[in-house]
Amino acid sequence: MPRPIVSKGSTTWKGDLFSGSGRSSLETSGVASFDVNWKSRAEEAGGTTSPEELIAAAHATCFAMQFSNELAKNDTPPTELRSSAEATFVAGEGITGIHLTVEGEVEGISAEDFQRIAESAKGNCPVSQALKGTEITLTASLA
């Protein structure tokens, strides 16, 4: 049985929602800390991040990992996958959708199989599973 791995992030927030600000940290790895504020979330980034940007980065990473595994199980391991995610946030509504994009270099695979396996990876990646209440769309293409 696999050992559970717990990843930790933290945020220190000062002030109210609209004029306050904070700093979010990747605690488990310790590799980065990010400034956060409401304006970056609801108006424009302006050099700070948002929960949605962090979710998008996590989703792009998880999807690429899942997709690479499913391609390998198909005996068509990727040479390279370039994935991105766009998380759309609407104030008062929340995250209204996430769009994944992937371009891959994969030897010996048809465009149809690439698309089919990409769709499977989209549904099976753990971040997609955690975000099941959100519409997730995908654009997948071979390089």
C-alpha atoms as a PDB file:
ATOM      1  CA  MET A   1       0.000   0.000   0.000  1.00  0.00           C
ATOM      2  CA  PRO A   2       1.425   3.423  -0.944  1.00  0.00           C
ATOM      3  CA  ARG A   3       2.443   5.685   1.907  1.00  0.00           C
ATOM      4  CA  PRO A   4       0.326   8.862   2.128  1.00  0.00           C
ATOM      5  CA  ILE A   5       2.297  11.998   1.285  1.00  0.00           C
ATOM      6  CA  VAL A   6       1.116  15.256   2.832  1.00  0.00           C
ATOM      7  CA  SER A   7       2.066  18.507   1.101  1.00  0.00           C
ATOM      8  CA  LYS A   8       1.797  21.776   2.972  1.00  0.00           C
ATOM      9  CA  GLY A   9       1.328  25.361   1.909  1.00  0.00           C
ATOM     10  CA  SER A  10       0.644  28.344   4.129  1.00  0.00           C
ATOM     11  CA  THR A  11      -0.422  31.978   3.933  1.00  0.00           C
ATOM     12  CA  THR A  12      -0.066  34.887   6.315  1.00  0.00           C
ATOM     13  CA  TRP A  13      -2.739  37.506   5.579  1.00  0.00           C
ATOM     14  CA  LYS A  14      -2.895  41.034   7.016  1.00  0.00           C
ATOM     15  CA  GLY A  15      -5.919  43.306   6.787  1.00  0.00           C
ATOM     16  CA  ASP A  16      -9.315  42.924   5.199  1.00  0.00           C
ATOM     17  CA  LEU A  17     -10.028  41.231   1.870  1.00  0.00           C
ATOM     18  CA  PHE A  18      -9.989  44.283  -0.392  1.00  0.00           C
ATOM     19  CA  SER A  19      -7.110  46.349   1.031  1.00  0.00           C
ATOM     20  CA  GLY A  20      -5.149  43.607   2.775  1.00  0.00           C
ATOM     21  CA  SER A  21      -2.398  41.408   1.431  1.00  0.00           C
ATOM     22  CA  GLY A  22      -0.519  38.280   2.267  1.00  0.00           C
ATOM     23  CA  ARG A  23       2.332  35.971   1.484  1.00  0.00           C
ATOM     24  CA  SER A  24       1.797  32.335   0.511  1.00  0.00           C
ATOM     25  CA  SER A  25       4.572  29.775   0.889  1.00  0.00           C
ATOM     26  CA  LEU A  26       5.238  26.313  -0.459  1.00  0.00           C
ATOM     27  CA  GLU A  27       6.058  24.791   2.912  1.00  0.00           C
ATOM     28  CA  THR A  28       6.883  21.220   1.945  1.00  0.00           C
ATOM     29  CA  SER A  29       9.526  22.069  -0.629  1.00  0.00           C
ATOM     30  CA  GLY A  30      10.463  25.490   0.670  1.00  0.00           C
ATOM     31  CA  VAL A  31      11.244  26.548  -2.898  1.00  0.00           C
ATOM     32  CA  ALA A  32       9.073  29.642  -3.127  1.00  0.00           C
ATOM     33  CA  SER A  33       6.930  32.249  -1.449  1.00  0.00           C
ATOM     34  CA  PHE A  34       4.469  34.474  -3.284  1.00  0.00           C
ATOM     35  CA  ASP A  35       2.801  37.808  -2.538  1.00  0.00           C
ATOM     36  CA  VAL A  36      -1.009  37.673  -2.790  1.00  0.00           C
ATOM     37  CA  ASN A  37      -3.794  40.255  -2.685  1.00  0.00           C
ATOM     38  CA  TRP A  38      -7.363  40.752  -3.843  1.00  0.00           C
ATOM     39  CA  LYS A  39      -6.445  43.018  -6.767  1.00  0.00           C
ATOM     40  CA  SER A  40      -4.279  40.299  -8.315  1.00  0.00           C
ATOM     41  CA  ARG A  41      -7.188  37.905  -8.012  1.00  0.00           C
ATOM     42  CA  ALA A  42     -10.066  40.022  -9.252  1.00  0.00           C
ATOM     43  CA  GLU A  43      -8.571  42.825 -11.346  1.00  0.00           C
ATOM     44  CA  GLU A  44      -5.023  42.303 -12.665  1.00  0.00           C
ATOM     45  CA  ALA A  45      -1.974  40.331 -11.602  1.00  0.00           C
ATOM     46  CA  GLY A  46       0.447  43.235 -11.223  1.00  0.00           C
ATOM     47  CA  GLY A  47       3.370  41.198  -9.912  1.00  0.00           C
ATOM     48  CA  THR A  48       1.498  39.181  -7.306  1.00  0.00           C
ATOM     49  CA  THR A  49      -0.138  35.790  -7.609  1.00  0.00           C
ATOM     50  CA  SER A  50      -3.582  34.426  -6.834  1.00  0.00           C
ATOM     51  CA  PRO A  51      -5.003  31.120  -5.639  1.00  0.00           C
ATOM     52  CA  GLU A  52      -6.195  30.532  -9.201  1.00  0.00           C
ATOM     53  CA  GLU A  53      -2.702  30.947 -10.647  1.00  0.00           C
ATOM     54  CA  LEU A  54      -1.360  28.465  -8.108  1.00  0.00           C
ATOM     55  CA  ILE A  55      -4.196  26.050  -8.942  1.00  0.00           C
ATOM     56  CA  ALA A  56      -3.448  26.474 -12.664  1.00  0.00           C
ATOM     57  CA  ALA A  57       0.224  25.656 -12.131  1.00  0.00           C
ATOM     58  CA  ALA A  58      -0.652  22.623 -10.020  1.00  0.00           C
ATOM     59  CA  HIS A  59      -3.202  21.443 -12.580  1.00  0.00           C
ATOM     60  CA  ALA A  60      -0.810  21.829 -15.544  1.00  0.00           C
ATOM     61  CA  THR A  61       1.825  19.845 -13.646  1.00  0.00           C
ATOM     62  CA  CYS A  62      -0.518  17.085 -12.497  1.00  0.00           C
ATOM     63  CA  PHE A  63      -2.035  16.730 -15.963  1.00  0.00           C
ATOM     64  CA  ALA A  64       1.403  16.459 -17.628  1.00  0.00           C
ATOM     65  CA  MET A  65       2.454  13.780 -15.153  1.00  0.00           C
ATOM     66  CA  GLN A  66      -0.774  11.793 -15.627  1.00  0.00           C
ATOM     67  CA  PHE A  67      -0.635  12.142 -19.406  1.00  0.00           C
ATOM     68  CA  SER A  68       3.010  11.014 -19.567  1.00  0.00           C
ATOM     69  CA  ASN A  69       2.115   7.937 -17.527  1.00  0.00           C
ATOM     70  CA  GLU A  70      -0.876   7.048 -19.686  1.00  0.00           C
ATOM     71  CA  LEU A  71       1.173   7.531 -22.865  1.00  0.00           C
ATOM     72  CA  ALA A  72       3.883   5.222 -21.469  1.00  0.00           C
ATOM     73  CA  LYS A  73       1.243   2.587 -20.642  1.00  0.00           C
ATOM     74  CA  ASN A  74       0.182   2.857 -24.304  1.00  0.00           C
ATOM     75  CA  ASP A  75       3.798   2.013 -25.310  1.00  0.00           C
ATOM     76  CA  THR A  76       4.163   5.535 -26.720  1.00  0.00           C
ATOM     77  CA  PRO A  77       6.123   7.426 -24.043  1.00  0.00           C
ATOM     78  CA  PRO A  78       6.417  11.141 -24.762  1.00  0.00           C
ATOM     79  CA  THR A  79       9.650  12.827 -25.736  1.00  0.00           C
ATOM     80  CA  GLU A  80       8.219  16.076 -24.376  1.00  0.00           C
ATOM     81  CA  LEU A  81       4.890  17.479 -23.193  1.00  0.00           C
ATOM     82  CA  ARG A  82       4.273  21.216 -22.826  1.00  0.00           C
ATOM     83  CA  SER A  83       1.155  21.777 -20.757  1.00  0.00           C
ATOM     84  CA  SER A  84      -0.548  24.855 -19.407  1.00  0.00           C
ATOM     85  CA  ALA A  85      -3.744  25.607 -17.537  1.00  0.00           C
ATOM     86  CA  GLU A  86      -5.891  28.718 -17.429  1.00  0.00           C
ATOM     87  CA  ALA A  87      -8.139  29.043 -14.386  1.00  0.00           C
ATOM     88  CA  THR A  88     -10.924  31.606 -14.818  1.00  0.00           C
ATOM     89  CA  PHE A  89     -12.112  33.425 -11.684  1.00  0.00           C
ATOM     90  CA  VAL A  90     -15.186  35.647 -11.503  1.00  0.00           C
ATOM     91  CA  ALA A  91     -15.639  37.683  -8.318  1.00  0.00           C
ATOM     92  CA  GLY A  92     -18.831  36.603  -6.593  1.00  0.00           C
ATOM     93  CA  GLU A  93     -18.977  33.321  -8.518  1.00  0.00           C
ATOM     94  CA  GLY A  94     -15.586  31.698  -7.956  1.00  0.00           C
ATOM     95  CA  ILE A  95     -13.604  29.545 -10.366  1.00  0.00           C
ATOM     96  CA  THR A  96     -15.840  29.172 -13.406  1.00  0.00           C
ATOM     97  CA  GLY A  97     -13.612  26.959 -15.526  1.00  0.00           C
ATOM     98  CA  ILE A  98     -10.166  25.621 -16.250  1.00  0.00           C
ATOM     99  CA  HIS A  99      -8.746  25.131 -19.724  1.00  0.00           C
ATOM    100  CA  LEU A 100      -5.831  22.746 -20.189  1.00  0.00           C
ATOM    101  CA  THR A 101      -3.602  22.962 -23.247  1.00  0.00           C
ATOM    102  CA  VAL A 102      -0.975  20.407 -24.186  1.00  0.00           C
ATOM    103  CA  GLU A 103       1.374  20.057 -27.105  1.00  0.00           C
ATOM    104  CA  GLY A 104       3.383  16.871 -27.264  1.00  0.00           C
ATOM    105  CA  GLU A 105       6.204  15.230 -29.066  1.00  0.00           C
ATOM    106  CA  VAL A 106       5.327  11.535 -29.120  1.00  0.00           C
ATOM    107  CA  GLU A 107       6.796   8.998 -31.547  1.00  0.00           C
ATOM    108  CA  GLY A 108       4.490   6.450 -33.170  1.00  0.00           C
ATOM    109  CA  ILE A 109       1.092   7.786 -32.078  1.00  0.00           C
ATOM    110  CA  SER A 110      -1.825   8.964 -34.174  1.00  0.00           C
ATOM    111  CA  ALA A 111      -3.482  12.309 -33.526  1.00  0.00           C
ATOM    112  CA  GLU A 112      -6.670  10.430 -32.566  1.00  0.00           C
ATOM    113  CA  ASP A 113      -4.903   8.283 -29.964  1.00  0.00           C
ATOM    114  CA  PHE A 114      -3.058  11.321 -28.625  1.00  0.00           C
ATOM    115  CA  GLN A 115      -6.389  13.123 -28.159  1.00  0.00           C
ATOM    116  CA  ARG A 116      -8.081  10.078 -26.597  1.00  0.00           C
ATOM    117  CA  ILE A 117      -5.281   9.544 -24.082  1.00  0.00           C
ATOM    118  CA  ALA A 118      -5.147  13.297 -23.310  1.00  0.00           C
ATOM    119  CA  GLU A 119      -8.880  13.246 -22.492  1.00  0.00           C
ATOM    120  CA  SER A 120      -8.347  10.240 -20.240  1.00  0.00           C
ATOM    121  CA  ALA A 121      -5.472  11.978 -18.446  1.00  0.00           C
ATOM    122  CA  LYS A 122      -7.608  15.115 -18.009  1.00  0.00           C
ATOM    123  CA  GLY A 123     -10.235  13.085 -16.174  1.00  0.00           C
ATOM    124  CA  ASN A 124      -7.837  10.914 -14.206  1.00  0.00           C
ATOM    125  CA  CYS A 125      -5.275  13.390 -12.886  1.00  0.00           C
ATOM    126  CA  PRO A 126      -5.721  13.894  -9.124  1.00  0.00           C
ATOM    127  CA  VAL A 127      -6.079  17.681  -9.440  1.00  0.00           C
ATOM    128  CA  SER A 128      -8.884  17.234 -11.997  1.00  0.00           C
ATOM    129  CA  GLN A 129     -10.496  14.791  -9.568  1.00  0.00           C
ATOM    130  CA  ALA A 130     -10.282  17.383  -6.776  1.00  0.00           C
ATOM    131  CA  LEU A 131     -11.857  20.007  -9.051  1.00  0.00           C
ATOM    132  CA  LYS A 132     -14.774  17.864 -10.296  1.00  0.00           C
ATOM    133  CA  GLY A 133     -17.300  20.652  -9.679  1.00  0.00           C
ATOM    134  CA  THR A 134     -15.503  22.876 -12.194  1.00  0.00           C
ATOM    135  CA  GLU A 135     -15.800  22.610 -15.978  1.00  0.00           C
ATOM    136  CA  ILE A 136     -12.434  21.466 -17.342  1.00  0.00           C
ATOM    137  CA  THR A 137     -11.782  21.741 -21.078  1.00  0.00           C
ATOM    138  CA  LEU A 138      -8.807  20.574 -23.123  1.00  0.00           C
ATOM    139  CA  THR A 139      -6.922  21.416 -26.302  1.00  0.00           C
ATOM    140  CA  ALA A 140      -4.382  18.730 -27.226  1.00  0.00           C
ATOM    141  CA  SER A 141      -2.096  18.653 -30.257  1.00  0.00           C
ATOM    142  CA  LEU A 142       0.959  16.849 -31.503  1.00  0.00           C
ATOM    143  CA  ALA A 143       4.005  19.017 -32.241  1.00  0.00           C
END
